[in-house]
Amino acid sequence: MPHESRPKTAPASAPSASHPAAVPSPAAVPSPSAPTAPAAAATPSAAHGAPGATWPVLWRVFAANTAVFVVAVALLVLTPLEIHKRIRVDELAVLLAGLVAMLAVDLVLTRRALQPLARLARLMGTVDLRRPGQRASGFERSGAEVAALAGSFNEMLARLEDERRASAARALAAQEAERRRIARELHDEVGQSLTAVVMRAEHVASRASGDRAVAELGELAGIVKGTLVDIRRISRELRPEALDDLGLANALTALCNRVAESARIGVGRRIQTPLPALSAGVELAVYRVAQESLNNVVRHAHASRADLSLAVQGDHLVLIVADDGVGLGAPQVDGGGLSGMRERAILIGARLEVEAARDGGTVVTLCLPFEAVAR
């Protein structure tokens, strides 16, 4: 029995999906080649068709889907394909193959349209506020919404960095004030009291009659003298007088000498003189980073030698503290000392890097741009 056939026609829903009236006019959709605003300057208004913005994500997805449907309808109209009333297996296979191909192409185009948004999400997950200056860039031609989101994210990062810097400044200022107060009390009150004890013990020992009493009083005077030396050392570490009186270069020299004498390790130093004019806050931050780095060498590195250098390199002032110790070993975790160093670096607009040396040991680098160190 001859079979009935019908001419090839498009599905009922296809014409409506590709109807010209559903496609936005050139006046309504900005040209992809139009100039775009930088991502850092993007604002939420860009998502509402601001001048110079690229296609919004909605229209990109719509254009991809429209292109797929138009191609599908064109193939259905132009190809010599007949579909019988009772569909055959080969015809069903052709239709399924076309559907799969259409969905695959639609997936590829949609994924490409949404790729900038996924890249921005990954970038957001990798930003570390302990390393300021990171920004979302390269999203100028990624769609108006993505550019606006990147601009808002950059503005949020700038606000967070400013707030973090301000809070760190307040916390460190309070810490330094407390250090200064404790150092003054140790030097003026406890130090003077111990000095009086030493003098009194020596006076009594000079007037004692028994050898044993003289020996014990002399030993007591020696113990108190040692305690007095320790208190003066702690007082200097709390608030270095050399930094206030003699400047950063001399304070670092005294610090190296004191660490070498107390820890019995070699401490080399290369300090450029004269140094650029530095504010008191910058000098204090550089000194504290150097002090904490050398303290870590003594406490944790098991090193036999450390080297400190401070010099101008290009348009930066660079402090480097290196040792020949055991190195970083386990994954780096910010403890109290390292966290404080990072806070001070952020406060003065510097970059702090803690890395393993090639031949063993650790290298701490503090890099300050000149615009941050200038008075």
Protein backbone atom coordinates (compact mmCIF):
# COMPACT_ATOMS: atom_id res chain seq x y z
CA MET A 1 0.00 0.00 0.00
CA PRO A 2 1.54 3.31 -1.00
CA HIS A 3 2.49 5.30 1.98
CA GLU A 4 1.32 8.77 2.62
CA SER A 5 3.93 11.47 2.92
CA ARG A 6 3.76 15.03 3.87
CA PRO A 7 6.08 17.85 2.85
CA LYS A 8 8.79 18.73 5.29
CA THR A 9 7.65 21.34 7.74
CA ALA A 10 9.15 22.95 10.77
CA PRO A 11 7.85 22.17 14.24
CA ALA A 12 5.17 24.50 15.47
CA SER A 13 7.41 26.03 18.10
CA ALA A 14 10.38 26.66 15.80
CA PRO A 15 9.00 29.62 13.82
CA SER A 16 8.15 31.49 17.01
CA ALA A 17 11.65 30.94 18.39
CA SER A 18 13.32 32.37 15.29
CA HIS A 19 10.74 34.95 14.28
CA PRO A 20 12.38 38.21 13.26
CA ALA A 21 10.19 40.15 15.67
CA ALA A 22 11.87 38.41 18.63
CA VAL A 23 15.36 39.54 17.64
CA PRO A 24 16.43 42.87 19.16
CA SER A 25 17.05 45.62 16.72
CA PRO A 26 20.54 47.05 16.19
CA ALA A 27 19.50 50.19 18.05
CA ALA A 28 18.49 48.20 21.11
CA VAL A 29 21.63 46.02 21.28
CA PRO A 30 25.07 47.67 21.42
CA SER A 31 27.56 46.51 18.84
CA PRO A 32 30.17 44.06 20.13
CA SER A 33 32.87 46.18 18.51
CA ALA A 34 31.89 49.29 20.42
CA PRO A 35 34.49 50.69 22.85
CA THR A 36 34.11 49.53 26.43
CA ALA A 37 34.80 51.12 29.77
CA PRO A 38 37.57 49.70 31.99
CA ALA A 39 36.45 47.02 34.43
CA ALA A 40 37.81 48.93 37.41
CA ALA A 41 35.60 51.87 36.50
CA ALA A 42 32.51 49.82 35.72
CA THR A 43 29.42 50.65 37.68
CA PRO A 44 26.07 48.94 38.08
CA SER A 45 24.63 51.35 35.53
CA ALA A 46 26.53 49.47 32.84
CA ALA A 47 24.08 46.60 33.20
CA HIS A 48 21.28 48.91 32.04
CA GLY A 49 22.75 49.73 28.64
CA ALA A 50 25.28 52.44 29.51
CA PRO A 51 27.03 53.92 26.49
CA GLY A 52 30.02 51.89 25.37
CA ALA A 53 28.98 48.70 27.21
CA THR A 54 29.11 45.33 25.45
CA TRP A 55 26.16 43.00 25.10
CA PRO A 56 24.57 42.02 28.40
CA VAL A 57 24.78 38.34 29.34
CA LEU A 58 21.03 37.93 28.78
CA TRP A 59 21.28 39.04 25.16
CA ARG A 60 24.41 36.93 24.61
CA VAL A 61 22.57 33.79 25.74
CA PHE A 62 19.50 34.79 23.74
CA ALA A 63 21.61 35.38 20.61
CA ALA A 64 23.28 31.97 21.01
CA ASN A 65 19.94 30.19 21.34
CA THR A 66 18.48 32.17 18.44
CA ALA A 67 21.40 31.22 16.20
CA VAL A 68 20.93 27.52 17.04
CA PHE A 69 17.19 27.61 16.29
CA VAL A 70 17.67 29.57 13.05
CA VAL A 71 20.25 27.04 11.81
CA ALA A 72 17.99 24.14 12.82
CA VAL A 73 15.00 25.62 10.97
CA ALA A 74 17.14 26.41 7.91
CA LEU A 75 18.42 22.83 7.76
CA LEU A 76 14.91 21.52 8.14
CA VAL A 77 13.67 23.71 5.28
CA LEU A 78 16.56 23.25 2.88
CA THR A 79 17.48 19.60 3.30
CA PRO A 80 15.61 16.91 1.25
CA LEU A 81 14.21 15.19 4.29
CA GLU A 82 10.77 13.62 4.34
CA ILE A 83 9.00 12.50 7.48
CA HIS A 84 6.24 9.97 7.05
CA LYS A 85 3.05 9.98 9.01
CA ARG A 86 4.20 6.82 10.71
CA ILE A 87 7.79 7.72 11.43
CA ARG A 88 10.43 5.19 10.52
CA VAL A 89 13.50 4.22 12.49
CA ASP A 90 15.96 5.91 10.12
CA GLU A 91 13.91 9.11 10.20
CA LEU A 92 13.77 8.98 14.00
CA ALA A 93 17.54 8.48 14.13
CA VAL A 94 18.07 11.52 11.91
CA LEU A 95 15.79 13.65 14.10
CA LEU A 96 17.51 12.49 17.30
CA ALA A 97 20.94 13.15 15.78
CA GLY A 98 19.83 16.64 14.78
CA LEU A 99 18.44 17.27 18.27
CA VAL A 100 21.65 16.12 19.93
CA ALA A 101 23.73 18.25 17.59
CA MET A 102 21.51 21.26 18.23
CA LEU A 103 21.77 20.82 22.02
CA ALA A 104 25.55 20.36 21.81
CA VAL A 105 25.99 23.53 19.81
CA ASP A 106 23.66 25.39 22.17
CA LEU A 107 25.68 24.14 25.16
CA VAL A 108 28.96 25.29 23.61
CA LEU A 109 27.60 28.74 22.74
CA THR A 110 25.91 29.22 26.13
CA ARG A 111 29.02 28.10 27.98
CA ARG A 112 31.10 30.55 25.98
CA ALA A 113 28.66 33.36 26.80
CA LEU A 114 28.79 32.55 30.54
CA GLN A 115 32.55 31.82 30.69
CA PRO A 116 33.54 35.36 31.84
CA LEU A 117 31.16 35.02 34.79
CA ALA A 118 32.74 31.71 35.80
CA ARG A 119 36.23 33.20 35.46
CA LEU A 120 35.25 36.13 37.67
CA ALA A 121 33.84 33.72 40.28
CA ARG A 122 37.12 31.77 40.33
CA LEU A 123 39.09 35.00 40.68
CA MET A 124 36.93 36.09 43.61
CA GLY A 125 37.73 32.83 45.37
CA THR A 126 41.49 33.35 45.08
CA VAL A 127 41.74 36.94 46.36
CA ASP A 128 43.73 37.23 49.60
CA LEU A 129 43.31 40.46 51.57
CA ARG A 130 46.71 39.88 53.17
CA ARG A 131 48.20 40.64 49.76
CA PRO A 132 46.65 43.98 48.76
CA GLY A 133 46.48 45.30 45.23
CA GLN A 134 44.74 42.31 43.65
CA ARG A 135 41.98 43.36 41.27
CA ALA A 136 39.62 41.80 38.74
CA SER A 137 40.82 42.90 35.31
CA GLY A 138 40.22 41.88 31.71
CA PHE A 139 36.42 41.88 31.93
CA GLU A 140 35.82 45.04 29.88
CA ARG A 141 34.34 43.12 26.92
CA SER A 142 32.71 40.32 28.91
CA GLY A 143 29.19 41.72 29.08
CA ALA A 144 27.74 44.71 30.82
CA GLU A 145 26.66 42.77 33.92
CA VAL A 146 30.05 41.05 34.29
CA ALA A 147 31.91 44.34 33.85
CA ALA A 148 29.65 45.98 36.42
CA LEU A 149 30.16 43.08 38.84
CA ALA A 150 33.94 43.23 38.38
CA GLY A 151 33.90 46.98 38.99
CA SER A 152 31.81 46.59 42.14
CA PHE A 153 34.11 43.81 43.36
CA ASN A 154 37.16 46.03 42.81
CA GLU A 155 35.51 48.88 44.71
CA MET A 156 34.69 46.48 47.57
CA LEU A 157 38.31 45.28 47.67
CA ALA A 158 39.54 48.87 47.82
CA ARG A 159 37.18 49.66 50.71
CA LEU A 160 38.17 46.50 52.58
CA GLU A 161 41.87 47.27 52.13
CA ASP A 162 41.37 50.84 53.37
CA GLU A 163 39.40 49.64 56.38
CA ARG A 164 41.96 46.92 57.13
CA ARG A 165 44.78 49.43 56.85
CA ALA A 166 43.01 51.89 59.15
CA SER A 167 42.20 49.23 61.76
CA ALA A 168 45.78 47.91 61.60
CA ALA A 169 47.08 51.44 62.09
CA ARG A 170 44.93 51.91 65.19
CA ALA A 171 45.89 48.52 66.62
CA LEU A 172 49.61 48.98 65.98
CA ALA A 173 49.56 52.54 67.34
CA ALA A 174 47.94 51.28 70.54
CA GLN A 175 50.47 48.44 70.69
CA GLU A 176 53.42 50.79 70.27
CA ALA A 177 52.03 53.14 72.93
CA GLU A 178 51.74 50.23 75.35
CA ARG A 179 55.25 49.07 74.48
CA ARG A 180 56.57 52.57 75.15
CA ARG A 181 54.80 52.75 78.51
CA ILE A 182 56.06 49.34 79.64
CA ALA A 183 59.60 50.10 78.47
CA ARG A 184 59.57 53.38 80.37
CA GLU A 185 58.32 51.70 83.55
CA LEU A 186 60.88 48.91 83.28
CA HIS A 187 63.70 51.40 82.74
CA ASP A 188 62.68 54.10 85.22
CA GLU A 189 61.05 52.14 88.01
CA VAL A 190 62.08 48.48 87.96
CA GLY A 191 65.56 49.28 86.70
CA GLN A 192 66.21 51.88 89.36
CA SER A 193 64.87 49.58 92.09
CA LEU A 194 67.17 46.77 91.01
CA THR A 195 70.10 49.16 90.82
CA ALA A 196 69.40 50.16 94.40
CA VAL A 197 69.30 46.49 95.43
CA VAL A 198 72.68 45.86 93.78
CA MET A 199 74.24 48.85 95.50
CA ARG A 200 72.77 47.83 98.83
CA ALA A 201 74.01 44.25 98.49
CA GLU A 202 77.51 45.41 97.56
CA HIS A 203 77.54 47.83 100.50
CA VAL A 204 76.47 45.13 102.96
CA ALA A 205 79.00 42.71 101.50
CA SER A 206 81.78 45.24 102.01
CA ARG A 207 80.91 45.51 105.71
CA ALA A 208 80.21 41.82 106.36
CA SER A 209 82.64 39.93 108.55
CA GLY A 210 82.19 36.31 107.49
CA ASP A 211 83.61 35.03 104.20
CA ARG A 212 80.47 33.03 103.51
CA ALA A 213 78.23 36.04 104.00
CA VAL A 214 80.44 38.13 101.72
CA ALA A 215 80.35 35.41 99.05
CA GLU A 216 76.58 35.03 99.23
CA LEU A 217 76.00 38.78 99.11
CA GLY A 218 78.34 39.05 96.13
CA GLU A 219 76.48 36.25 94.38
CA LEU A 220 73.17 37.98 95.10
CA ALA A 221 74.53 41.22 93.66
CA GLY A 222 75.63 39.33 90.53
CA ILE A 223 72.18 37.77 90.07
CA VAL A 224 70.48 41.13 90.42
CA LYS A 225 72.94 42.69 87.95
CA GLY A 226 72.10 39.96 85.43
CA THR A 227 68.41 40.58 85.95
CA LEU A 228 68.98 44.29 85.45
CA VAL A 229 70.78 43.61 82.15
CA ASP A 230 67.86 41.43 80.97
CA ILE A 231 65.34 44.10 81.90
CA ARG A 232 67.27 46.75 80.00
CA ARG A 233 67.46 44.43 76.98
CA ILE A 234 63.72 43.81 77.09
CA SER A 235 63.15 47.55 77.43
CA ARG A 236 65.25 48.22 74.32
CA GLU A 237 63.37 45.55 72.37
CA LEU A 238 60.03 47.02 73.41
CA ARG A 239 61.02 50.50 72.27
CA PRO A 240 64.41 50.88 70.56
CA GLU A 241 65.99 54.11 71.75
CA ALA A 242 68.47 54.06 68.86
CA LEU A 243 65.60 54.34 66.37
CA ASP A 244 64.30 57.52 67.97
CA ASP A 245 67.72 59.05 68.58
CA LEU A 246 69.98 57.85 65.75
CA GLY A 247 67.71 56.78 62.88
CA LEU A 248 66.90 53.56 61.08
CA ALA A 249 70.38 52.63 59.80
CA ASN A 250 72.03 52.88 63.21
CA ALA A 251 69.10 51.13 64.89
CA LEU A 252 69.42 48.18 62.48
CA THR A 253 73.17 48.06 63.07
CA ALA A 254 72.62 47.92 66.83
CA LEU A 255 69.95 45.25 66.35
CA CYS A 256 72.32 43.04 64.33
CA ASN A 257 75.09 43.43 66.90
CA ARG A 258 72.74 42.61 69.77
CA VAL A 259 71.35 39.49 68.05
CA ALA A 260 74.84 38.26 67.15
CA GLU A 261 76.02 38.75 70.75
CA SER A 262 73.01 37.18 72.47
CA ALA A 263 72.37 34.28 70.05
CA ARG A 264 76.06 33.65 69.21
CA ILE A 265 75.49 33.45 65.46
CA GLY A 266 77.03 35.43 62.67
CA VAL A 267 74.88 38.34 61.53
CA GLY A 268 76.04 40.17 58.42
CA ARG A 269 74.62 43.53 57.42
CA ARG A 270 74.65 45.69 54.31
CA ILE A 271 72.81 48.93 54.96
CA GLN A 272 72.87 51.67 52.35
CA THR A 273 73.60 55.15 53.66
CA PRO A 274 72.24 57.67 53.38
CA LEU A 275 68.73 56.28 53.15
CA PRO A 276 65.83 58.17 51.58
CA ALA A 277 63.83 60.40 53.90
CA LEU A 278 61.40 58.15 55.77
CA SER A 279 58.49 58.94 58.01
CA ALA A 280 58.61 57.76 61.61
CA GLY A 281 55.88 55.19 60.93
CA VAL A 282 57.75 53.69 57.98
CA GLU A 283 61.02 53.54 59.93
CA LEU A 284 59.30 51.78 62.81
CA ALA A 285 57.57 49.27 60.48
CA VAL A 286 60.85 48.41 58.71
CA TYR A 287 62.63 48.02 62.05
CA ARG A 288 59.91 45.77 63.46
CA VAL A 289 59.93 43.52 60.37
CA ALA A 290 63.72 43.19 60.61
CA GLN A 291 63.51 42.54 64.36
CA GLU A 292 60.84 39.86 64.03
CA SER A 293 62.69 38.21 61.13
CA LEU A 294 65.92 37.95 63.17
CA ASN A 295 63.94 36.70 66.19
CA ASN A 296 62.48 33.94 64.00
CA VAL A 297 65.98 33.03 62.84
CA VAL A 298 67.13 32.67 66.45
CA ARG A 299 64.05 30.78 67.67
CA HIS A 300 63.10 28.51 64.79
CA ALA A 301 65.69 28.39 62.00
CA HIS A 302 68.60 26.69 63.87
CA ALA A 303 70.84 28.80 61.66
CA SER A 304 74.53 29.54 62.03
CA ARG A 305 74.37 32.78 60.07
CA ALA A 306 71.91 35.47 59.04
CA ASP A 307 72.29 38.41 56.68
CA LEU A 308 70.37 41.69 56.66
CA SER A 309 70.41 44.18 53.81
CA LEU A 310 68.56 47.44 53.26
CA ALA A 311 69.06 49.30 50.01
CA VAL A 312 67.34 51.17 47.20
CA GLN A 313 66.58 48.97 44.19
CA GLY A 314 65.05 50.86 41.29
CA ASP A 315 62.03 52.73 42.59
CA HIS A 316 61.73 50.61 45.75
CA LEU A 317 63.35 50.41 49.16
CA VAL A 318 64.04 46.72 49.82
CA LEU A 319 64.76 45.00 53.12
CA ILE A 320 66.05 41.40 52.92
CA VAL A 321 66.72 39.08 55.86
CA ALA A 322 68.14 35.67 54.90
CA ASP A 323 69.46 32.74 56.92
CA ASP A 324 71.07 29.33 56.33
CA GLY A 325 68.73 27.43 58.65
CA VAL A 326 66.29 24.58 58.15
CA GLY A 327 63.99 26.57 55.87
CA LEU A 328 60.21 26.71 55.82
CA GLY A 329 59.66 22.94 55.91
CA ALA A 330 55.93 22.50 56.57
CA PRO A 331 53.40 24.62 54.68
CA GLN A 332 53.62 28.23 55.75
CA VAL A 333 51.11 29.23 58.43
CA ASP A 334 50.77 32.81 59.58
CA GLY A 335 51.53 32.85 63.28
CA GLY A 336 51.54 35.84 65.56
CA GLY A 337 54.95 37.12 64.38
CA LEU A 338 54.41 36.61 60.67
CA SER A 339 50.88 37.98 60.88
CA GLY A 340 52.20 41.11 62.61
CA MET A 341 54.82 41.54 59.89
CA ARG A 342 52.15 41.35 57.20
CA GLU A 343 49.98 43.87 59.04
CA ARG A 344 52.88 46.33 59.22
CA ALA A 345 53.64 45.81 55.54
CA ILE A 346 50.01 46.50 54.60
CA LEU A 347 50.02 49.58 56.83
CA ILE A 348 52.87 51.25 54.94
CA GLY A 349 51.81 50.02 51.48
CA ALA A 350 54.63 47.48 51.15
CA ARG A 351 54.79 43.91 49.88
CA LEU A 352 56.09 41.16 52.18
CA GLU A 353 57.33 37.83 50.81
CA VAL A 354 58.55 34.85 52.88
CA GLU A 355 60.23 32.24 50.67
CA ALA A 356 62.57 29.28 50.91
CA ALA A 357 66.12 29.99 49.75
CA ARG A 358 67.55 27.91 46.91
CA ASP A 359 70.41 26.52 48.99
CA GLY A 360 68.39 26.12 52.19
CA GLY A 361 67.17 28.60 54.74
CA THR A 362 64.55 31.31 54.49
CA VAL A 363 64.43 34.72 52.83
CA VAL A 364 62.15 37.49 54.08
CA THR A 365 61.73 40.40 51.65
CA LEU A 366 59.98 43.69 52.37
CA CYS A 367 59.55 45.85 49.26
CA LEU A 368 58.36 49.45 49.64
CA PRO A 369 57.59 51.68 46.66
CA PHE A 370 59.02 55.19 46.90
CA GLU A 371 55.59 56.81 46.93
CA ALA A 372 54.89 54.89 50.17
CA VAL A 373 58.17 55.78 51.92
CA ALA A 374 58.25 59.46 51.02
CA ARG A 375 57.37 61.87 53.78
